[in-house]
Amino acid sequence: MLLKRLEQWDQASFHRLFRRSNSVQARHISLWLSKTADGPLYLLFALLLLSSGSAEAYSVSGLLLAAFALELPLYLLLKNSIKRARPADVLTAFIRAHITPSDRFSLPSGHTAGAFVFSTVIALYFPLWWPLALLWAMAIGVSRIMLGVHFPLDVLAGAVLGSGSTLAVYTLLN
C-alpha cells in the first residue's frame, strides 16, 4: 500500500514538472542546466583549483576525486541492479522525453548524484558558496525531470547517493 502510494506520488509529481517543459524556453534551460552536470566542468573546476597550488586546493580536488571514485561504482551498481524503467518507457502514452538518455535505466539519477557530490564538496570547503551550489544541484535534478528522463524519486536517490558518498569519503579522510 505504501509503495503504491509512493509510486503514485512519484508519477503525479513527474507529470506536474514535466508539463512545465512544454515551452521551448523551458526545454532549452533544462538542457543547458543538465549539460553543466555532464562531468567536464568538475574536471575543469579541479584543474583550476590545482593551478593555484594551495594545500586547500589539493584537499578539495582530492575529496572531489575520491567522492566520485566511490559514487560512480555505487551508481552503476544501483542502476544496473534496480533496473527501473525511465518515464518514457513507463508512461509511453503520455510523454516523450526531450532528450535521449545516455543509458537505459532511471534510478538513481547520475547527473543529480554528480551535482550533489560537487555541492557537498563546496559545502565542506567553501560554505559561503554552498547555497548557490545547492541551488544549482537541485536545479540539475529538476532539469532531469523536465527533460523527461527521471522521476522525482530517481533525483532524490541521486542526491542522497552524491551527498552520502562525499560525506563518507570526507569522514574517512579526516
C-alpha atoms as a PDB file:
ATOM      1  CA  MET A   1       0.000   0.000   0.000  1.00  0.00           C
ATOM      2  CA  LEU A   2       2.763   2.458   0.946  1.00  0.00           C
ATOM      3  CA  LEU A   3       4.821   1.567  -2.136  1.00  0.00           C
ATOM      4  CA  LYS A   4       1.788   2.049  -4.351  1.00  0.00           C
ATOM      5  CA  ARG A   5       1.126   5.494  -2.854  1.00  0.00           C
ATOM      6  CA  LEU A   6       4.792   6.423  -3.249  1.00  0.00           C
ATOM      7  CA  GLU A   7       4.691   5.365  -6.900  1.00  0.00           C
ATOM      8  CA  GLN A   8       1.517   7.393  -7.453  1.00  0.00           C
ATOM      9  CA  TRP A   9       3.119  10.450  -5.838  1.00  0.00           C
ATOM     10  CA  ASP A  10       6.258   9.964  -7.943  1.00  0.00           C
ATOM     11  CA  GLN A  11       4.323   9.767 -11.208  1.00  0.00           C
ATOM     12  CA  ALA A  12       1.987  12.651 -10.323  1.00  0.00           C
ATOM     13  CA  SER A  13       4.958  14.840  -9.343  1.00  0.00           C
ATOM     14  CA  PHE A  14       6.731  13.872 -12.545  1.00  0.00           C
ATOM     15  CA  HIS A  15       3.691  14.913 -14.601  1.00  0.00           C
ATOM     16  CA  ARG A  16       3.417  18.283 -12.797  1.00  0.00           C
ATOM     17  CA  LEU A  17       7.048  19.121 -13.520  1.00  0.00           C
ATOM     18  CA  PHE A  18       7.208  17.625 -16.991  1.00  0.00           C
ATOM     19  CA  ARG A  19       4.148  19.624 -18.110  1.00  0.00           C
ATOM     20  CA  ARG A  20       6.124  22.790 -17.367  1.00  0.00           C
ATOM     21  CA  SER A  21       8.673  21.805 -20.009  1.00  0.00           C
ATOM     22  CA  ASN A  22       6.229  22.338 -22.883  1.00  0.00           C
ATOM     23  CA  SER A  23       7.748  25.681 -23.815  1.00  0.00           C
ATOM     24  CA  VAL A  24      10.850  25.797 -25.961  1.00  0.00           C
ATOM     25  CA  GLN A  25      12.495  28.126 -23.439  1.00  0.00           C
ATOM     26  CA  ALA A  26      11.937  25.716 -20.528  1.00  0.00           C
ATOM     27  CA  ARG A  27      13.382  22.848 -22.576  1.00  0.00           C
ATOM     28  CA  HIS A  28      16.448  24.892 -23.550  1.00  0.00           C
ATOM     29  CA  ILE A  29      17.098  25.965 -19.966  1.00  0.00           C
ATOM     30  CA  SER A  30      16.655  22.386 -18.735  1.00  0.00           C
ATOM     31  CA  LEU A  31      19.002  21.066 -21.396  1.00  0.00           C
ATOM     32  CA  TRP A  32      21.633  23.714 -20.669  1.00  0.00           C
ATOM     33  CA  LEU A  33      21.433  23.063 -16.916  1.00  0.00           C
ATOM     34  CA  SER A  34      21.639  19.322 -17.435  1.00  0.00           C
ATOM     35  CA  LYS A  35      24.745  19.702 -19.605  1.00  0.00           C
ATOM     36  CA  THR A  36      26.520  21.605 -16.815  1.00  0.00           C
ATOM     37  CA  ALA A  37      26.454  18.335 -14.839  1.00  0.00           C
ATOM     38  CA  ASP A  38      27.799  16.102 -17.617  1.00  0.00           C
ATOM     39  CA  GLY A  39      31.212  15.864 -15.972  1.00  0.00           C
ATOM     40  CA  PRO A  40      33.817  18.002 -17.760  1.00  0.00           C
ATOM     41  CA  LEU A  41      33.050  21.030 -15.571  1.00  0.00           C
ATOM     42  CA  TYR A  42      34.005  19.051 -12.465  1.00  0.00           C
ATOM     43  CA  LEU A  43      37.382  18.291 -14.011  1.00  0.00           C
ATOM     44  CA  LEU A  44      37.807  21.918 -15.072  1.00  0.00           C
ATOM     45  CA  PHE A  45      36.997  23.060 -11.519  1.00  0.00           C
ATOM     46  CA  ALA A  46      39.566  20.653 -10.055  1.00  0.00           C
ATOM     47  CA  LEU A  47      42.228  21.738 -12.559  1.00  0.00           C
ATOM     48  CA  LEU A  48      41.581  25.423 -11.850  1.00  0.00           C
ATOM     49  CA  LEU A  49      41.897  24.745  -8.134  1.00  0.00           C
ATOM     50  CA  LEU A  50      45.087  22.751  -8.585  1.00  0.00           C
ATOM     51  CA  SER A  51      46.609  25.543 -10.674  1.00  0.00           C
ATOM     52  CA  SER A  52      46.529  27.743  -7.562  1.00  0.00           C
ATOM     53  CA  GLY A  53      48.997  25.379  -5.910  1.00  0.00           C
ATOM     54  CA  SER A  54      47.471  25.815  -2.453  1.00  0.00           C
ATOM     55  CA  ALA A  55      47.227  22.973   0.046  1.00  0.00           C
ATOM     56  CA  GLU A  56      43.472  23.522   0.306  1.00  0.00           C
ATOM     57  CA  ALA A  57      43.146  23.136  -3.473  1.00  0.00           C
ATOM     58  CA  TYR A  58      44.779  19.723  -3.238  1.00  0.00           C
ATOM     59  CA  SER A  59      42.418  18.744  -0.411  1.00  0.00           C
ATOM     60  CA  VAL A  60      39.340  19.882  -2.313  1.00  0.00           C
ATOM     61  CA  SER A  61      40.426  18.201  -5.550  1.00  0.00           C
ATOM     62  CA  GLY A  62      41.371  15.022  -3.685  1.00  0.00           C
ATOM     63  CA  LEU A  63      37.984  14.865  -1.985  1.00  0.00           C
ATOM     64  CA  LEU A  64      36.206  15.512  -5.275  1.00  0.00           C
ATOM     65  CA  LEU A  65      38.133  12.717  -6.977  1.00  0.00           C
ATOM     66  CA  ALA A  66      37.711  10.262  -4.087  1.00  0.00           C
ATOM     67  CA  ALA A  67      33.994  11.030  -3.744  1.00  0.00           C
ATOM     68  CA  PHE A  68      33.444  10.402  -7.459  1.00  0.00           C
ATOM     69  CA  ALA A  69      35.531   7.222  -7.165  1.00  0.00           C
ATOM     70  CA  LEU A  70      33.012   5.964  -4.593  1.00  0.00           C
ATOM     71  CA  GLU A  71      29.842   7.441  -6.104  1.00  0.00           C
ATOM     72  CA  LEU A  72      30.329   6.222  -9.669  1.00  0.00           C
ATOM     73  CA  PRO A  73      30.648   2.468  -8.971  1.00  0.00           C
ATOM     74  CA  LEU A  74      27.748   2.663  -6.497  1.00  0.00           C
ATOM     75  CA  TYR A  75      25.682   4.497  -9.101  1.00  0.00           C
ATOM     76  CA  LEU A  76      26.411   1.831 -11.717  1.00  0.00           C
ATOM     77  CA  LEU A  77      25.698  -0.981  -9.266  1.00  0.00           C
ATOM     78  CA  LEU A  78      22.381   0.538  -8.188  1.00  0.00           C
ATOM     79  CA  LYS A  79      21.273   1.474 -11.687  1.00  0.00           C
ATOM     80  CA  ASN A  80      22.014  -1.977 -13.114  1.00  0.00           C
ATOM     81  CA  SER A  81      20.603  -3.848 -10.107  1.00  0.00           C
ATOM     82  CA  ILE A  82      17.361  -1.912  -9.658  1.00  0.00           C
ATOM     83  CA  LYS A  83      16.707  -1.527 -13.410  1.00  0.00           C
ATOM     84  CA  ARG A  84      13.909   0.995 -13.003  1.00  0.00           C
ATOM     85  CA  ALA A  85      12.389   1.976 -16.330  1.00  0.00           C
ATOM     86  CA  ARG A  86      12.593   5.591 -17.432  1.00  0.00           C
ATOM     87  CA  PRO A  87       9.426   7.718 -17.512  1.00  0.00           C
ATOM     88  CA  ALA A  88       9.040   7.477 -21.295  1.00  0.00           C
ATOM     89  CA  ASP A  89       9.165   3.680 -21.026  1.00  0.00           C
ATOM     90  CA  VAL A  90       6.555   3.557 -18.247  1.00  0.00           C
ATOM     91  CA  LEU A  91       4.264   6.353 -19.394  1.00  0.00           C
ATOM     92  CA  THR A  92       4.537   5.814 -23.157  1.00  0.00           C
ATOM     93  CA  ALA A  93       1.005   7.001 -23.844  1.00  0.00           C
ATOM     94  CA  PHE A  94       1.601  10.314 -22.058  1.00  0.00           C
ATOM     95  CA  ILE A  95       5.140  11.517 -22.590  1.00  0.00           C
ATOM     96  CA  ARG A  96       8.117  11.514 -24.855  1.00  0.00           C
ATOM     97  CA  ALA A  97      11.459  12.543 -23.369  1.00  0.00           C
ATOM     98  CA  HIS A  98      13.042  15.700 -24.761  1.00  0.00           C
ATOM     99  CA  ILE A  99      16.478  14.048 -24.918  1.00  0.00           C
ATOM    100  CA  THR A 100      17.879  10.579 -25.418  1.00  0.00           C
ATOM    101  CA  PRO A 101      19.290   9.357 -22.104  1.00  0.00           C
ATOM    102  CA  SER A 102      22.825   8.001 -22.009  1.00  0.00           C
ATOM    103  CA  ASP A 103      21.717   4.672 -20.571  1.00  0.00           C
ATOM    104  CA  ARG A 104      18.629   2.521 -20.220  1.00  0.00           C
ATOM    105  CA  PHE A 105      17.636   2.782 -16.566  1.00  0.00           C
ATOM    106  CA  SER A 106      16.360   5.576 -14.386  1.00  0.00           C
ATOM    107  CA  LEU A 107      17.241   5.046 -10.703  1.00  0.00           C
ATOM    108  CA  PRO A 108      19.334   6.814  -9.447  1.00  0.00           C
ATOM    109  CA  SER A 109      19.916   9.971 -11.465  1.00  0.00           C
ATOM    110  CA  GLY A 110      23.622  10.110 -12.238  1.00  0.00           C
ATOM    111  CA  HIS A 111      23.575  13.789 -13.177  1.00  0.00           C
ATOM    112  CA  THR A 112      21.967  14.604  -9.841  1.00  0.00           C
ATOM    113  CA  ALA A 113      24.385  12.360  -7.935  1.00  0.00           C
ATOM    114  CA  GLY A 114      27.354  14.110  -9.542  1.00  0.00           C
ATOM    115  CA  ALA A 115      25.892  17.548  -8.855  1.00  0.00           C
ATOM    116  CA  PHE A 116      25.406  16.651  -5.199  1.00  0.00           C
ATOM    117  CA  VAL A 117      28.963  15.309  -4.936  1.00  0.00           C
ATOM    118  CA  PHE A 118      30.121  18.724  -6.138  1.00  0.00           C
ATOM    119  CA  SER A 119      27.671  20.654  -3.971  1.00  0.00           C
ATOM    120  CA  THR A 120      28.661  18.722  -0.856  1.00  0.00           C
ATOM    121  CA  VAL A 121      32.372  19.329  -1.512  1.00  0.00           C
ATOM    122  CA  ILE A 122      31.577  23.037  -1.839  1.00  0.00           C
ATOM    123  CA  ALA A 123      29.625  22.911   1.439  1.00  0.00           C
ATOM    124  CA  LEU A 124      32.574  21.344   3.244  1.00  0.00           C
ATOM    125  CA  TYR A 125      35.304  23.652   1.931  1.00  0.00           C
ATOM    126  CA  PHE A 126      33.556  26.824   0.812  1.00  0.00           C
ATOM    127  CA  PRO A 127      30.419  27.117   2.985  1.00  0.00           C
ATOM    128  CA  LEU A 128      29.648  30.660   1.842  1.00  0.00           C
ATOM    129  CA  TRP A 129      29.219  29.329  -1.715  1.00  0.00           C
ATOM    130  CA  TRP A 130      27.167  26.329  -0.651  1.00  0.00           C
ATOM    131  CA  PRO A 131      23.679  27.910  -1.062  1.00  0.00           C
ATOM    132  CA  LEU A 132      24.500  28.677  -4.684  1.00  0.00           C
ATOM    133  CA  ALA A 133      25.974  25.198  -5.260  1.00  0.00           C
ATOM    134  CA  LEU A 134      22.949  23.576  -3.594  1.00  0.00           C
ATOM    135  CA  LEU A 135      20.550  25.604  -5.714  1.00  0.00           C
ATOM    136  CA  TRP A 136      22.455  24.535  -8.830  1.00  0.00           C
ATOM    137  CA  ALA A 137      22.443  20.848  -7.778  1.00  0.00           C
ATOM    138  CA  MET A 138      18.707  20.964  -7.101  1.00  0.00           C
ATOM    139  CA  ALA A 139      18.146  22.648 -10.472  1.00  0.00           C
ATOM    140  CA  ILE A 140      20.067  19.795 -12.123  1.00  0.00           C
ATOM    141  CA  GLY A 141      17.632  17.314 -10.580  1.00  0.00           C
ATOM    142  CA  VAL A 142      14.602  19.317 -11.685  1.00  0.00           C
ATOM    143  CA  SER A 143      16.053  19.658 -15.184  1.00  0.00           C
ATOM    144  CA  ARG A 144      16.361  15.871 -15.474  1.00  0.00           C
ATOM    145  CA  ILE A 145      12.671  15.525 -14.629  1.00  0.00           C
ATOM    146  CA  MET A 146      11.662  18.306 -17.015  1.00  0.00           C
ATOM    147  CA  LEU A 147      13.653  16.651 -19.797  1.00  0.00           C
ATOM    148  CA  GLY A 148      11.561  13.538 -19.208  1.00  0.00           C
ATOM    149  CA  VAL A 149      14.354  11.134 -18.279  1.00  0.00           C
ATOM    150  CA  HIS A 150      13.870  10.789 -14.491  1.00  0.00           C
ATOM    151  CA  PHE A 151      11.147  10.537 -11.901  1.00  0.00           C
ATOM    152  CA  PRO A 152      11.440  12.691  -8.756  1.00  0.00           C
ATOM    153  CA  LEU A 153      12.454   9.697  -6.613  1.00  0.00           C
ATOM    154  CA  ASP A 154      15.319   8.977  -9.045  1.00  0.00           C
ATOM    155  CA  VAL A 155      16.537  12.519  -8.435  1.00  0.00           C
ATOM    156  CA  LEU A 156      16.140  12.191  -4.663  1.00  0.00           C
ATOM    157  CA  ALA A 157      18.118   8.931  -4.743  1.00  0.00           C
ATOM    158  CA  GLY A 158      20.838  10.645  -6.793  1.00  0.00           C
ATOM    159  CA  ALA A 159      21.028  13.494  -4.271  1.00  0.00           C
ATOM    160  CA  VAL A 160      21.386  11.044  -1.381  1.00  0.00           C
ATOM    161  CA  LEU A 161      23.964   8.994  -3.269  1.00  0.00           C
ATOM    162  CA  GLY A 162      26.093  12.017  -4.203  1.00  0.00           C
ATOM    163  CA  SER A 163      25.982  13.696  -0.799  1.00  0.00           C
ATOM    164  CA  GLY A 164      26.347  10.425   1.070  1.00  0.00           C
ATOM    165  CA  SER A 165      29.367   9.345  -0.973  1.00  0.00           C
ATOM    166  CA  THR A 166      31.084  12.662  -0.377  1.00  0.00           C
ATOM    167  CA  LEU A 167      30.375  12.678   3.343  1.00  0.00           C
ATOM    168  CA  ALA A 168      31.542   9.056   3.686  1.00  0.00           C
ATOM    169  CA  VAL A 169      34.853   9.803   1.962  1.00  0.00           C
ATOM    170  CA  TYR A 170      35.308  13.052   3.895  1.00  0.00           C
ATOM    171  CA  THR A 171      34.750  11.214   7.175  1.00  0.00           C
ATOM    172  CA  LEU A 172      37.267   8.521   6.221  1.00  0.00           C
ATOM    173  CA  LEU A 173      39.899  11.059   5.174  1.00  0.00           C
ATOM    174  CA  ASN A 174      39.546  13.283   8.245  1.00  0.00           C
END
